[in-house]
Amino acid sequence: MNHESADIGPLLREVYRRLREEHGAQNWWPADSAFEVAVGAILTQSVAWSNVEKALSNLKSAGVLSPKGLWDVPVEELAALIRPSGYFNVKARRLKAFAERLWTEHQGSLEGMFAMDAASLREELLSIHGIGEETADDIILYAAGKPLFVIDAYTRRVVDRLRPGCAGPGYGEYQRLFHDALPKDSSLFNEYHALLVRHGKHVCRKTPRCGECRLVGLCVTGGEMAARNG
């Protein structure tokens, strides 16, 4: 465990306690199947979840929300179906690449792909066109149920305000803070990440609402703002 993560560990555990007390269980990820979670993780890049839901509904109505369905559907038709998710031509190619890997390496079986250990699964997902670290970890945590903490813009923002400079610039450096501070438990990681997203959307916004924040007494940035405001 590095020095920074040793220092921030008790803080991150207290943040979780307070957010859970404030917001309750988030019950993420909203989906009917692990495959839908994986598809949603690819579609949600750079778009609001409400638009992803429309795209998923279109895929379900067309009968193509399955490994075989995505494998068989022409990319142009797929792009039209997922149009509400934005960047639909790019995302259609990413979904096709994901389906192709499922069929060429795992006989179309998501369970077969998910049988790998987390590190191997992450390596494979990152080798698929258009899947980056956050998307891969969304799939691993929320679809495969393996304990990798997801780092997104909300998580970075909350951490950077709590303790500016506690993490380096890279995705992995933020992720290590949580991995070092918490038990490696997929349910805990799931709930914590969902709580950070909720907090980042509604309270710790780009312009923070520190007066409404349960974390303000723990937060360097919140303390500085309170001092400036008298």
Protein backbone atom coordinates (compact mmCIF):
# COMPACT_ATOMS: atom_id res chain seq x y z
CA MET A 1 0.00 0.00 0.00
CA ASN A 2 1.47 3.39 -0.94
CA HIS A 3 1.66 6.36 1.41
CA GLU A 4 -1.18 8.32 -0.18
CA SER A 5 -3.62 5.42 -0.18
CA ALA A 6 -2.71 4.63 3.43
CA ASP A 7 -3.58 8.24 4.35
CA ILE A 8 -6.81 8.37 2.40
CA GLY A 9 -8.14 4.92 3.33
CA PRO A 10 -10.05 5.93 6.48
CA LEU A 11 -11.42 8.95 4.63
CA LEU A 12 -12.77 6.86 1.74
CA ARG A 13 -14.41 4.44 4.17
CA GLU A 14 -16.09 7.32 6.02
CA VAL A 15 -17.24 8.85 2.72
CA TYR A 16 -18.94 5.58 1.85
CA ARG A 17 -20.64 5.41 5.24
CA ARG A 18 -22.01 8.93 4.93
CA LEU A 19 -23.16 8.59 1.34
CA ARG A 20 -24.90 5.29 2.06
CA GLU A 21 -26.60 6.84 5.09
CA GLU A 22 -27.67 9.85 3.02
CA HIS A 23 -28.83 8.16 -0.18
CA GLY A 24 -29.50 4.52 0.64
CA ALA A 25 -28.93 1.58 -1.69
CA GLN A 26 -28.69 2.51 -5.36
CA ASN A 27 -29.35 -0.97 -6.82
CA TRP A 28 -27.17 -0.55 -9.90
CA TRP A 29 -26.92 -1.46 -12.81
CA PRO A 30 -30.46 -1.04 -14.24
CA ALA A 31 -30.75 -3.92 -16.74
CA ASP A 32 -32.51 -7.23 -17.32
CA SER A 33 -29.38 -9.29 -18.03
CA ALA A 34 -25.60 -9.23 -17.88
CA PHE A 35 -25.49 -8.87 -21.65
CA GLU A 36 -27.71 -5.79 -21.47
CA VAL A 37 -25.34 -4.33 -18.87
CA ALA A 38 -22.39 -4.88 -21.21
CA VAL A 39 -24.18 -3.29 -24.16
CA GLY A 40 -25.31 -0.39 -21.97
CA ALA A 41 -21.74 0.18 -20.80
CA ILE A 42 -20.62 0.60 -24.41
CA LEU A 43 -23.57 2.82 -25.32
CA THR A 44 -23.34 5.12 -22.29
CA GLN A 45 -20.02 6.63 -23.33
CA SER A 46 -20.49 10.42 -23.64
CA VAL A 47 -24.28 10.39 -23.28
CA ALA A 48 -26.97 10.55 -20.60
CA TRP A 49 -28.40 7.23 -19.43
CA SER A 50 -31.92 8.25 -20.48
CA ASN A 51 -30.75 8.21 -24.10
CA VAL A 52 -29.11 4.81 -23.61
CA GLU A 53 -32.43 3.45 -22.35
CA LYS A 54 -34.09 4.54 -25.60
CA ALA A 55 -31.40 2.79 -27.64
CA LEU A 56 -31.70 -0.39 -25.55
CA SER A 57 -35.46 -0.32 -25.99
CA ASN A 58 -34.99 -0.11 -29.76
CA LEU A 59 -32.62 -3.09 -29.70
CA LYS A 60 -35.10 -5.12 -27.66
CA SER A 61 -38.02 -4.23 -29.95
CA ALA A 62 -35.96 -5.26 -32.98
CA GLY A 63 -35.04 -8.57 -31.31
CA VAL A 64 -31.29 -8.00 -31.59
CA LEU A 65 -30.29 -7.46 -27.94
CA SER A 66 -28.35 -10.72 -27.75
CA PRO A 67 -24.91 -11.95 -28.84
CA LYS A 68 -26.43 -13.54 -31.95
CA GLY A 69 -28.60 -10.54 -32.68
CA LEU A 70 -25.68 -8.11 -32.62
CA TRP A 71 -23.57 -10.54 -34.63
CA ASP A 72 -26.20 -10.89 -37.37
CA VAL A 73 -27.62 -7.37 -37.68
CA PRO A 74 -26.03 -5.20 -40.41
CA VAL A 75 -23.97 -2.38 -38.93
CA GLU A 76 -26.04 0.26 -40.72
CA GLU A 77 -29.25 -1.10 -39.21
CA LEU A 78 -27.60 -1.34 -35.81
CA ALA A 79 -26.50 2.30 -36.03
CA ALA A 80 -30.07 3.39 -36.81
CA LEU A 81 -31.42 1.44 -33.82
CA ILE A 82 -28.96 3.00 -31.36
CA ARG A 83 -29.24 6.52 -32.78
CA PRO A 84 -30.61 7.97 -29.48
CA SER A 85 -27.32 7.08 -27.75
CA GLY A 86 -25.32 9.53 -29.87
CA TYR A 87 -22.16 8.81 -31.88
CA PHE A 88 -24.25 5.95 -33.24
CA ASN A 89 -22.02 5.00 -36.17
CA VAL A 90 -18.98 4.75 -33.88
CA LYS A 91 -20.89 2.86 -31.18
CA ALA A 92 -22.39 0.47 -33.74
CA ARG A 93 -18.88 -0.54 -34.79
CA ARG A 94 -17.91 -1.01 -31.15
CA LEU A 95 -20.91 -3.24 -30.49
CA LYS A 96 -20.12 -5.28 -33.59
CA ALA A 97 -16.51 -5.66 -32.44
CA PHE A 98 -17.72 -6.84 -29.03
CA ALA A 99 -20.11 -9.35 -30.60
CA GLU A 100 -17.40 -10.56 -32.98
CA ARG A 101 -15.03 -11.25 -30.08
CA LEU A 102 -17.75 -13.14 -28.22
CA TRP A 103 -18.31 -15.41 -31.22
CA THR A 104 -14.74 -15.87 -32.43
CA GLU A 105 -13.23 -16.50 -28.98
CA HIS A 106 -16.12 -17.67 -26.77
CA GLN A 107 -18.68 -19.30 -29.10
CA GLY A 108 -21.09 -16.45 -28.44
CA SER A 109 -21.13 -17.16 -24.70
CA LEU A 110 -20.89 -14.18 -22.37
CA GLU A 111 -20.60 -16.66 -19.50
CA GLY A 112 -17.60 -18.18 -21.24
CA MET A 113 -15.91 -14.81 -21.52
CA PHE A 114 -16.74 -13.99 -17.89
CA ALA A 115 -15.23 -17.28 -16.68
CA MET A 116 -11.81 -15.64 -16.95
CA ASP A 117 -10.23 -14.03 -13.91
CA ALA A 118 -10.69 -10.26 -13.63
CA ALA A 119 -7.21 -9.35 -14.88
CA SER A 120 -7.46 -11.57 -17.96
CA LEU A 121 -10.98 -10.41 -18.70
CA ARG A 122 -9.89 -6.78 -18.45
CA GLU A 123 -6.99 -7.41 -20.82
CA GLU A 124 -9.31 -9.00 -23.36
CA LEU A 125 -11.93 -6.27 -23.15
CA LEU A 126 -9.31 -3.56 -23.58
CA SER A 127 -8.13 -5.30 -26.75
CA ILE A 128 -11.59 -4.86 -28.35
CA HIS A 129 -12.04 -1.84 -30.61
CA GLY A 130 -13.48 1.14 -28.74
CA ILE A 131 -13.47 -0.30 -25.21
CA GLY A 132 -11.42 1.77 -22.78
CA GLU A 133 -10.66 1.36 -19.10
CA GLU A 134 -13.89 2.79 -17.69
CA THR A 135 -16.10 0.80 -20.06
CA ALA A 136 -14.12 -2.39 -19.44
CA ASP A 137 -14.41 -1.97 -15.68
CA ASP A 138 -18.15 -1.19 -15.94
CA ILE A 139 -18.58 -4.53 -17.72
CA ILE A 140 -16.34 -6.39 -15.27
CA LEU A 141 -17.99 -4.98 -12.14
CA TYR A 142 -21.63 -4.67 -13.14
CA ALA A 143 -22.02 -7.49 -15.66
CA ALA A 144 -19.40 -10.04 -14.58
CA GLY A 145 -19.63 -9.24 -10.86
CA LYS A 146 -15.86 -9.10 -10.36
CA PRO A 147 -14.31 -6.54 -7.97
CA LEU A 148 -12.70 -3.76 -10.00
CA PHE A 149 -13.57 -0.22 -8.92
CA VAL A 150 -14.88 1.95 -11.76
CA ILE A 151 -13.31 5.39 -12.13
CA ASP A 152 -15.38 7.97 -13.97
CA ALA A 153 -15.56 11.77 -14.11
CA TYR A 154 -17.77 11.95 -11.01
CA THR A 155 -15.40 9.81 -8.96
CA ARG A 156 -12.39 11.86 -10.01
CA ARG A 157 -14.18 15.09 -9.16
CA VAL A 158 -15.20 13.95 -5.66
CA VAL A 159 -11.73 12.57 -4.88
CA ASP A 160 -9.97 15.66 -6.22
CA ARG A 161 -12.12 17.93 -4.05
CA LEU A 162 -11.83 15.78 -0.94
CA ARG A 163 -8.02 15.65 -1.09
CA PRO A 164 -6.53 17.63 -3.98
CA GLY A 165 -3.42 15.93 -5.36
CA CYS A 166 -3.92 12.61 -3.56
CA ALA A 167 -3.92 10.71 -6.86
CA GLY A 168 -1.80 10.99 -9.96
CA PRO A 169 -3.34 11.82 -13.32
CA GLY A 170 -3.88 8.25 -14.50
CA TYR A 171 -6.97 6.06 -14.27
CA GLY A 172 -5.04 3.35 -12.44
CA GLU A 173 -3.80 5.75 -9.78
CA TYR A 174 -7.34 6.69 -8.80
CA GLN A 175 -8.40 3.05 -8.91
CA ARG A 176 -5.56 2.01 -6.58
CA LEU A 177 -6.80 4.45 -3.91
CA PHE A 178 -10.05 2.50 -3.67
CA HIS A 179 -8.47 -0.94 -4.08
CA ASP A 180 -6.00 -0.22 -1.28
CA ALA A 181 -8.60 1.34 1.03
CA LEU A 182 -11.45 -1.17 0.70
CA PRO A 183 -12.04 -4.93 0.84
CA LYS A 184 -12.10 -6.39 -2.67
CA ASP A 185 -15.83 -6.96 -2.73
CA SER A 186 -17.87 -6.50 -5.90
CA SER A 187 -21.06 -5.59 -4.03
CA LEU A 188 -19.24 -2.88 -2.08
CA PHE A 189 -17.54 -1.51 -5.20
CA ASN A 190 -20.87 -1.54 -7.04
CA GLU A 191 -22.67 0.37 -4.31
CA TYR A 192 -19.85 2.83 -3.66
CA HIS A 193 -19.41 3.77 -7.30
CA ALA A 194 -23.17 4.23 -7.75
CA LEU A 195 -23.27 6.49 -4.68
CA LEU A 196 -20.39 8.60 -6.02
CA VAL A 197 -22.21 9.02 -9.32
CA ARG A 198 -25.35 10.16 -7.54
CA HIS A 199 -23.37 12.53 -5.34
CA GLY A 200 -21.47 13.93 -8.31
CA LYS A 201 -24.64 14.50 -10.32
CA HIS A 202 -26.70 16.17 -7.61
CA VAL A 203 -24.37 17.70 -5.02
CA CYS A 204 -20.68 17.69 -5.97
CA ARG A 205 -21.49 19.21 -9.35
CA LYS A 206 -19.17 21.26 -11.56
CA THR A 207 -20.29 24.14 -9.37
CA PRO A 208 -20.49 22.31 -6.03
CA ARG A 209 -23.39 22.65 -3.62
CA CYS A 210 -21.25 22.49 -0.51
CA GLY A 211 -24.05 23.79 1.70
CA GLU A 212 -26.03 20.62 0.95
CA CYS A 213 -23.12 18.19 1.24
CA ARG A 214 -22.79 15.53 3.94
CA LEU A 215 -19.07 15.35 3.15
CA VAL A 216 -18.25 19.02 3.68
CA GLY A 217 -16.59 18.45 7.05
CA LEU A 218 -14.26 15.89 5.45
CA CYS A 219 -13.50 17.85 2.32
CA VAL A 220 -10.55 20.19 1.77
CA THR A 221 -12.33 22.07 -1.02
CA GLY A 222 -15.57 22.34 0.96
CA GLY A 223 -13.68 23.63 3.99
CA GLU A 224 -11.92 26.28 1.90
CA MET A 225 -15.22 27.42 0.39
CA ALA A 226 -16.85 27.62 3.82
CA ALA A 227 -13.93 29.72 5.10
CA ARG A 228 -14.18 32.12 2.15
CA ASN A 229 -17.91 32.52 2.70
CA GLY A 230 -17.38 33.45 6.34
